Every structure is written in structure tokens, then in C-alpha cells.
């Protein structure tokens, strides 16, 4: 079992923080595109933003602390 110091040494805690910021910013951007734009422009902004949301969520899931059952 790794301690928090070990996680910090490898940058896992920093990576998680950055992924949370990226996830939050992408969700806010994705929601705002529905108010700011419409039609093709909205689709062209929402698709990459949605992919960033999915990617950062998967990254956070892969970096989660696994506790033995």
C-alpha cells in the first residue's frame, strides 16, 4: 500500500488535481456552448469538449485509490 508521499513523488496527486480542473472546466464549457452558440457551431464545440470530459473522467477512474475488498 502506497502512502501519500509516494503518490506525490510520482505526481499522481498532481495529475488527479489537474484532471479534476480539466473535467470541471470542460463540463462548464460544454454547458455554456448550448447557451452561446447553436447549430453546427455548437456541435463543433461540444464534441471536442465532450471528448475531454470523457478522457479526464477515465483518467480519474484509472488513477483512483484501489482498496482491497
PDB file of N, CA and C in Angstrom:
ATOM      1  N   UNK A   1       0.850  -1.167   0.000  1.00  0.00           N
ATOM      2  CA  UNK A   1       0.000   0.000   0.000  1.00  0.00           C
ATOM      3  C   UNK A   1       0.898   1.234   0.000  1.00  0.00           C
ATOM      4  N   UNK A   2       0.620   2.155  -0.901  1.00  0.00           N
ATOM      5  CA  UNK A   2       1.451   3.338  -1.053  1.00  0.00           C
ATOM      6  C   UNK A   2       0.926   4.475  -0.187  1.00  0.00           C
ATOM      7  N   UNK A   3       1.855   5.251   0.341  1.00  0.00           N
ATOM      8  CA  UNK A   3       1.458   6.406   1.142  1.00  0.00           C
ATOM      9  C   UNK A   3       1.262   7.615   0.238  1.00  0.00           C
ATOM     10  N   UNK A   4       0.747   8.700   0.824  1.00  0.00           N
ATOM     11  CA  UNK A   4       0.550   9.925   0.054  1.00  0.00           C
ATOM     12  C   UNK A   4       1.877  10.486  -0.440  1.00  0.00           C
ATOM     13  N   UNK A   5       2.942  10.329   0.327  1.00  0.00           N
ATOM     14  CA  UNK A   5       4.252  10.814  -0.086  1.00  0.00           C
ATOM     15  C   UNK A   5       4.704  10.095  -1.353  1.00  0.00           C
ATOM     16  N   UNK A   6       4.429   8.790  -1.443  1.00  0.00           N
ATOM     17  CA  UNK A   6       4.788   8.038  -2.645  1.00  0.00           C
ATOM     18  C   UNK A   6       3.985   8.536  -3.833  1.00  0.00           C
ATOM     19  N   UNK A   7       2.690   8.801  -3.621  1.00  0.00           N
ATOM     20  CA  UNK A   7       1.863   9.315  -4.706  1.00  0.00           C
ATOM     21  C   UNK A   7       2.384  10.668  -5.175  1.00  0.00           C
ATOM     22  N   UNK A   8       2.770  11.539  -4.263  1.00  0.00           N
ATOM     23  CA  UNK A   8       3.263  12.858  -4.626  1.00  0.00           C
ATOM     24  C   UNK A   8       4.582  12.758  -5.390  1.00  0.00           C
ATOM     25  N   UNK A   9       5.414  11.799  -5.001  1.00  0.00           N
ATOM     26  CA  UNK A   9       6.707  11.650  -5.659  1.00  0.00           C
ATOM     27  C   UNK A   9       6.512  11.313  -7.130  1.00  0.00           C
ATOM     28  N   UNK A  10       5.526  10.518  -7.440  1.00  0.00           N
ATOM     29  CA  UNK A  10       5.267  10.126  -8.824  1.00  0.00           C
ATOM     30  C   UNK A  10       4.308  11.071  -9.529  1.00  0.00           C
ATOM     31  N   UNK A  11       3.812  12.087  -8.852  1.00  0.00           N
ATOM     32  CA  UNK A  11       2.961  13.067  -9.481  1.00  0.00           C
ATOM     33  C   UNK A  11       1.515  12.652  -9.628  1.00  0.00           C
ATOM     34  N   UNK A  12       1.096  11.573  -8.967  1.00  0.00           N
ATOM     35  CA  UNK A  12      -0.278  11.102  -9.102  1.00  0.00           C
ATOM     36  C   UNK A  12      -1.255  12.099  -8.505  1.00  0.00           C
ATOM     37  N   UNK A  13      -0.926  12.664  -7.357  1.00  0.00           N
ATOM     38  CA  UNK A  13      -1.820  13.635  -6.728  1.00  0.00           C
ATOM     39  C   UNK A  13      -1.947  14.884  -7.593  1.00  0.00           C
ATOM     40  N   UNK A  14      -0.837  15.339  -8.152  1.00  0.00           N
ATOM     41  CA  UNK A  14      -0.863  16.491  -9.043  1.00  0.00           C
ATOM     42  C   UNK A  14      -1.668  16.183 -10.291  1.00  0.00           C
ATOM     43  N   UNK A  15      -1.503  14.995 -10.828  1.00  0.00           N
ATOM     44  CA  UNK A  15      -2.245  14.585 -12.024  1.00  0.00           C
ATOM     45  C   UNK A  15      -3.746  14.562 -11.741  1.00  0.00           C
ATOM     46  N   UNK A  16      -4.129  14.032 -10.587  1.00  0.00           N
ATOM     47  CA  UNK A  16      -5.546  13.992 -10.225  1.00  0.00           C
ATOM     48  C   UNK A  16      -6.121  15.405 -10.115  1.00  0.00           C
ATOM     49  N   UNK A  17      -5.374  16.307  -9.501  1.00  0.00           N
ATOM     50  CA  UNK A  17      -5.840  17.685  -9.358  1.00  0.00           C
ATOM     51  C   UNK A  17      -6.028  18.335 -10.725  1.00  0.00           C
ATOM     52  N   UNK A  18      -5.068  18.134 -11.615  1.00  0.00           N
ATOM     53  CA  UNK A  18      -5.184  18.692 -12.953  1.00  0.00           C
ATOM     54  C   UNK A  18      -6.345  18.081 -13.729  1.00  0.00           C
ATOM     55  N   UNK A  19      -6.562  16.787 -13.562  1.00  0.00           N
ATOM     56  CA  UNK A  19      -7.687  16.140 -14.237  1.00  0.00           C
ATOM     57  C   UNK A  19      -9.029  16.648 -13.710  1.00  0.00           C
ATOM     58  N   UNK A  20      -9.115  16.913 -12.399  1.00  0.00           N
ATOM     59  CA  UNK A  20     -10.350  17.478 -11.841  1.00  0.00           C
ATOM     60  C   UNK A  20     -10.615  18.875 -12.391  1.00  0.00           C
ATOM     61  N   UNK A  21      -9.553  19.684 -12.501  1.00  0.00           N
ATOM     62  CA  UNK A  21      -9.706  21.031 -13.059  1.00  0.00           C
ATOM     63  C   UNK A  21     -10.130  20.947 -14.521  1.00  0.00           C
ATOM     64  N   UNK A  22      -9.507  20.065 -15.269  1.00  0.00           N
ATOM     65  CA  UNK A  22      -9.843  19.883 -16.678  1.00  0.00           C
ATOM     66  C   UNK A  22     -11.278  19.389 -16.847  1.00  0.00           C
ATOM     67  N   UNK A  23     -11.681  18.445 -16.013  1.00  0.00           N
ATOM     68  CA  UNK A  23     -13.047  17.918 -16.065  1.00  0.00           C
ATOM     69  C   UNK A  23     -14.064  19.014 -15.778  1.00  0.00           C
ATOM     70  N   UNK A  24     -13.832  19.780 -14.727  1.00  0.00           N
ATOM     71  CA  UNK A  24     -14.757  20.850 -14.351  1.00  0.00           C
ATOM     72  C   UNK A  24     -14.834  21.923 -15.434  1.00  0.00           C
ATOM     73  N   UNK A  25     -13.685  22.342 -15.938  1.00  0.00           N
ATOM     74  CA  UNK A  25     -13.667  23.371 -16.974  1.00  0.00           C
ATOM     75  C   UNK A  25     -14.355  22.888 -18.246  1.00  0.00           C
ATOM     76  N   UNK A  26     -14.139  21.636 -18.606  1.00  0.00           N
ATOM     77  CA  UNK A  26     -14.750  21.094 -19.818  1.00  0.00           C
ATOM     78  C   UNK A  26     -16.257  20.970 -19.682  1.00  0.00           C
ATOM     79  N   UNK A  27     -16.720  20.556 -18.508  1.00  0.00           N
ATOM     80  CA  UNK A  27     -18.165  20.467 -18.294  1.00  0.00           C
ATOM     81  C   UNK A  27     -18.793  21.854 -18.366  1.00  0.00           C
ATOM     82  N   UNK A  28     -18.169  22.833 -17.716  1.00  0.00           N
ATOM     83  CA  UNK A  28     -18.693  24.198 -17.765  1.00  0.00           C
ATOM     84  C   UNK A  28     -18.678  24.755 -19.187  1.00  0.00           C
ATOM     85  N   UNK A  29     -17.625  24.487 -19.927  1.00  0.00           N
ATOM     86  CA  UNK A  29     -17.548  24.940 -21.309  1.00  0.00           C
ATOM     87  C   UNK A  29     -18.621  24.264 -22.157  1.00  0.00           C
ATOM     88  N   UNK A  30     -18.805  22.962 -21.951  1.00  0.00           N
ATOM     89  CA  UNK A  30     -19.798  22.218 -22.721  1.00  0.00           C
ATOM     90  C   UNK A  30     -21.205  22.743 -22.446  1.00  0.00           C
ATOM     91  N   UNK A  31     -21.512  23.038 -21.202  1.00  0.00           N
ATOM     92  CA  UNK A  31     -22.826  23.582 -20.859  1.00  0.00           C
ATOM     93  C   UNK A  31     -22.988  24.978 -21.460  1.00  0.00           C
ATOM     94  N   UNK A  32     -21.939  25.780 -21.398  1.00  0.00           N
ATOM     95  CA  UNK A  32     -22.049  27.153 -21.907  1.00  0.00           C
ATOM     96  C   UNK A  32     -22.210  27.200 -23.424  1.00  0.00           C
ATOM     97  N   UNK A  33     -21.714  26.191 -24.131  1.00  0.00           N
ATOM     98  CA  UNK A  33     -21.859  26.202 -25.589  1.00  0.00           C
ATOM     99  C   UNK A  33     -23.319  26.112 -26.014  1.00  0.00           C
ATOM    100  N   UNK A  34     -24.142  25.482 -25.200  1.00  0.00           N
ATOM    101  CA  UNK A  34     -25.559  25.394 -25.562  1.00  0.00           C
ATOM    102  C   UNK A  34     -26.252  26.747 -25.431  1.00  0.00           C
ATOM    103  N   UNK A  35     -25.719  27.648 -24.603  1.00  0.00           N
ATOM    104  CA  UNK A  35     -26.292  28.981 -24.451  1.00  0.00           C
ATOM    105  C   UNK A  35     -25.665  29.981 -25.434  1.00  0.00           C
ATOM    106  N   UNK A  36     -24.401  29.795 -25.758  1.00  0.00           N
ATOM    107  CA  UNK A  36     -23.673  30.754 -26.578  1.00  0.00           C
ATOM    108  C   UNK A  36     -23.922  30.541 -28.067  1.00  0.00           C
ATOM    109  N   UNK A  37     -23.895  29.292 -28.508  1.00  0.00           N
ATOM    110  CA  UNK A  37     -23.964  29.032 -29.936  1.00  0.00           C
ATOM    111  C   UNK A  37     -25.084  28.051 -30.256  1.00  0.00           C
ATOM    112  N   UNK A  38     -25.315  27.865 -31.557  1.00  0.00           N
ATOM    113  CA  UNK A  38     -26.339  26.916 -31.984  1.00  0.00           C
ATOM    114  C   UNK A  38     -25.925  26.309 -33.316  1.00  0.00           C
ATOM    115  N   UNK A  39     -26.605  25.268 -33.691  1.00  0.00           N
ATOM    116  CA  UNK A  39     -26.361  24.619 -34.976  1.00  0.00           C
ATOM    117  C   UNK A  39     -25.021  23.921 -35.044  1.00  0.00           C
ATOM    118  N   UNK A  40     -24.383  24.071 -36.202  1.00  0.00           N
ATOM    119  CA  UNK A  40     -23.123  23.382 -36.467  1.00  0.00           C
ATOM    120  C   UNK A  40     -22.026  23.858 -35.524  1.00  0.00           C
ATOM    121  N   UNK A  41     -22.024  25.135 -35.196  1.00  0.00           N
ATOM    122  CA  UNK A  41     -21.007  25.674 -34.291  1.00  0.00           C
ATOM    123  C   UNK A  41     -21.082  25.003 -32.929  1.00  0.00           C
ATOM    124  N   UNK A  42     -22.285  24.800 -32.439  1.00  0.00           N
ATOM    125  CA  UNK A  42     -22.448  24.140 -31.142  1.00  0.00           C
ATOM    126  C   UNK A  42     -21.920  22.715 -31.194  1.00  0.00           C
ATOM    127  N   UNK A  43     -22.213  22.018 -32.269  1.00  0.00           N
ATOM    128  CA  UNK A  43     -21.738  20.635 -32.413  1.00  0.00           C
ATOM    129  C   UNK A  43     -20.218  20.611 -32.485  1.00  0.00           C
ATOM    130  N   UNK A  44     -19.642  21.535 -33.262  1.00  0.00           N
ATOM    131  CA  UNK A  44     -18.184  21.566 -33.412  1.00  0.00           C
ATOM    132  C   UNK A  44     -17.468  21.928 -32.112  1.00  0.00           C
ATOM    133  N   UNK A  45     -18.125  22.631 -31.222  1.00  0.00           N
ATOM    134  CA  UNK A  45     -17.539  22.951 -29.920  1.00  0.00           C
ATOM    135  C   UNK A  45     -17.840  21.867 -28.881  1.00  0.00           C
ATOM    136  N   UNK A  46     -19.001  21.267 -28.962  1.00  0.00           N
ATOM    137  CA  UNK A  46     -19.414  20.293 -27.954  1.00  0.00           C
ATOM    138  C   UNK A  46     -18.707  18.952 -28.081  1.00  0.00           C
ATOM    139  N   UNK A  47     -18.447  18.520 -29.297  1.00  0.00           N
ATOM    140  CA  UNK A  47     -17.815  17.204 -29.478  1.00  0.00           C
ATOM    141  C   UNK A  47     -16.415  17.153 -28.865  1.00  0.00           C
ATOM    142  N   UNK A  48     -15.505  18.082 -29.196  1.00  0.00           N
ATOM    143  CA  UNK A  48     -14.184  18.018 -28.550  1.00  0.00           C
ATOM    144  C   UNK A  48     -14.259  18.212 -27.036  1.00  0.00           C
ATOM    145  N   UNK A  49     -15.148  19.101 -26.615  1.00  0.00           N
ATOM    146  CA  UNK A  49     -15.315  19.328 -25.183  1.00  0.00           C
ATOM    147  C   UNK A  49     -15.815  18.060 -24.485  1.00  0.00           C
ATOM    148  N   UNK A  50     -16.748  17.375 -25.103  1.00  0.00           N
ATOM    149  CA  UNK A  50     -17.253  16.117 -24.547  1.00  0.00           C
ATOM    150  C   UNK A  50     -16.184  15.047 -24.499  1.00  0.00           C
ATOM    151  N   UNK A  51     -15.330  15.003 -25.517  1.00  0.00           N
ATOM    152  CA  UNK A  51     -14.230  14.032 -25.518  1.00  0.00           C
ATOM    153  C   UNK A  51     -13.240  14.314 -24.393  1.00  0.00           C
ATOM    154  N   UNK A  52     -12.996  15.594 -24.113  1.00  0.00           N
ATOM    155  CA  UNK A  52     -12.113  15.956 -22.997  1.00  0.00           C
ATOM    156  C   UNK A  52     -12.746  15.535 -21.676  1.00  0.00           C
ATOM    157  N   UNK A  53     -14.068  15.717 -21.542  1.00  0.00           N
ATOM    158  CA  UNK A  53     -14.769  15.286 -20.330  1.00  0.00           C
ATOM    159  C   UNK A  53     -14.623  13.786 -20.147  1.00  0.00           C
ATOM    160  N   UNK A  54     -14.865  13.030 -21.204  1.00  0.00           N
ATOM    161  CA  UNK A  54     -14.761  11.565 -21.118  1.00  0.00           C
ATOM    162  C   UNK A  54     -13.326  11.149 -20.809  1.00  0.00           C
ATOM    163  N   UNK A  55     -12.360  11.776 -21.481  1.00  0.00           N
ATOM    164  CA  UNK A  55     -10.958  11.423 -21.247  1.00  0.00           C
ATOM    165  C   UNK A  55     -10.494  11.718 -19.833  1.00  0.00           C
ATOM    166  N   UNK A  56     -10.875  12.869 -19.302  1.00  0.00           N
ATOM    167  CA  UNK A  56     -10.450  13.195 -17.940  1.00  0.00           C
ATOM    168  C   UNK A  56     -11.179  12.324 -16.909  1.00  0.00           C
ATOM    169  N   UNK A  57     -12.433  11.980 -17.175  1.00  0.00           N
ATOM    170  CA  UNK A  57     -13.156  11.087 -16.266  1.00  0.00           C
ATOM    171  C   UNK A  57     -12.525   9.692 -16.257  1.00  0.00           C
ATOM    172  N   UNK A  58     -12.150   9.201 -17.423  1.00  0.00           N
ATOM    173  CA  UNK A  58     -11.477   7.889 -17.499  1.00  0.00           C
ATOM    174  C   UNK A  58     -10.129   7.952 -16.796  1.00  0.00           C
ATOM    175  N   UNK A  59      -9.396   9.040 -16.991  1.00  0.00           N
ATOM    176  CA  UNK A  59      -8.109   9.198 -16.309  1.00  0.00           C
ATOM    177  C   UNK A  59      -8.261   9.193 -14.798  1.00  0.00           C
ATOM    178  N   UNK A  60      -9.271   9.890 -14.297  1.00  0.00           N
ATOM    179  CA  UNK A  60      -9.521   9.888 -12.851  1.00  0.00           C
ATOM    180  C   UNK A  60      -9.914   8.503 -12.365  1.00  0.00           C
ATOM    181  N   UNK A  61     -10.689   7.791 -13.156  1.00  0.00           N
ATOM    182  CA  UNK A  61     -11.101   6.441 -12.759  1.00  0.00           C
ATOM    183  C   UNK A  61      -9.893   5.512 -12.714  1.00  0.00           C
ATOM    184  N   UNK A  62      -8.989   5.654 -13.670  1.00  0.00           N
ATOM    185  CA  UNK A  62      -7.794   4.807 -13.689  1.00  0.00           C
ATOM    186  C   UNK A  62      -6.835   5.141 -12.541  1.00  0.00           C
ATOM    187  N   UNK A  63      -6.839   6.384 -12.087  1.00  0.00           N
ATOM    188  CA  UNK A  63      -5.938   6.802 -11.000  1.00  0.00           C
ATOM    189  C   UNK A  63      -6.577   6.700  -9.617  1.00  0.00           C
ATOM    190  N   UNK A  64      -7.771   6.143  -9.541  1.00  0.00           N
ATOM    191  CA  UNK A  64      -8.464   6.063  -8.242  1.00  0.00           C
ATOM    192  C   UNK A  64      -7.681   5.175  -7.288  1.00  0.00           C
ATOM    193  N   UNK A  65      -7.888   5.413  -6.002  1.00  0.00           N
ATOM    194  CA  UNK A  65      -7.262   4.576  -4.974  1.00  0.00           C
ATOM    195  C   UNK A  65      -8.025   3.269  -4.899  1.00  0.00           C
ATOM    196  N   UNK A  66      -7.340   2.191  -5.149  1.00  0.00           N
ATOM    197  CA  UNK A  66      -7.982   0.883  -5.091  1.00  0.00           C
ATOM    198  C   UNK A  66      -7.811   0.307  -3.696  1.00  0.00           C
ATOM    199  N   UNK A  67      -8.908   0.026  -3.083  1.00  0.00           N
ATOM    200  CA  UNK A  67      -8.879  -0.568  -1.740  1.00  0.00           C
ATOM    201  C   UNK A  67      -9.183  -2.057  -1.875  1.00  0.00           C
ATOM    202  N   UNK A  68      -8.431  -2.905  -1.183  1.00  0.00           N
ATOM    203  CA  UNK A  68      -8.698  -4.342  -1.278  1.00  0.00           C
ATOM    204  C   UNK A  68     -10.084  -4.682  -0.723  1.00  0.00           C
ATOM    205  N   UNK A  69     -10.729  -5.612  -1.386  1.00  0.00           N
ATOM    206  CA  UNK A  69     -12.080  -6.000  -0.976  1.00  0.00           C
ATOM    207  C   UNK A  69     -12.083  -6.841   0.261  1.00  0.00           C
TER     208      UNK A  69
END
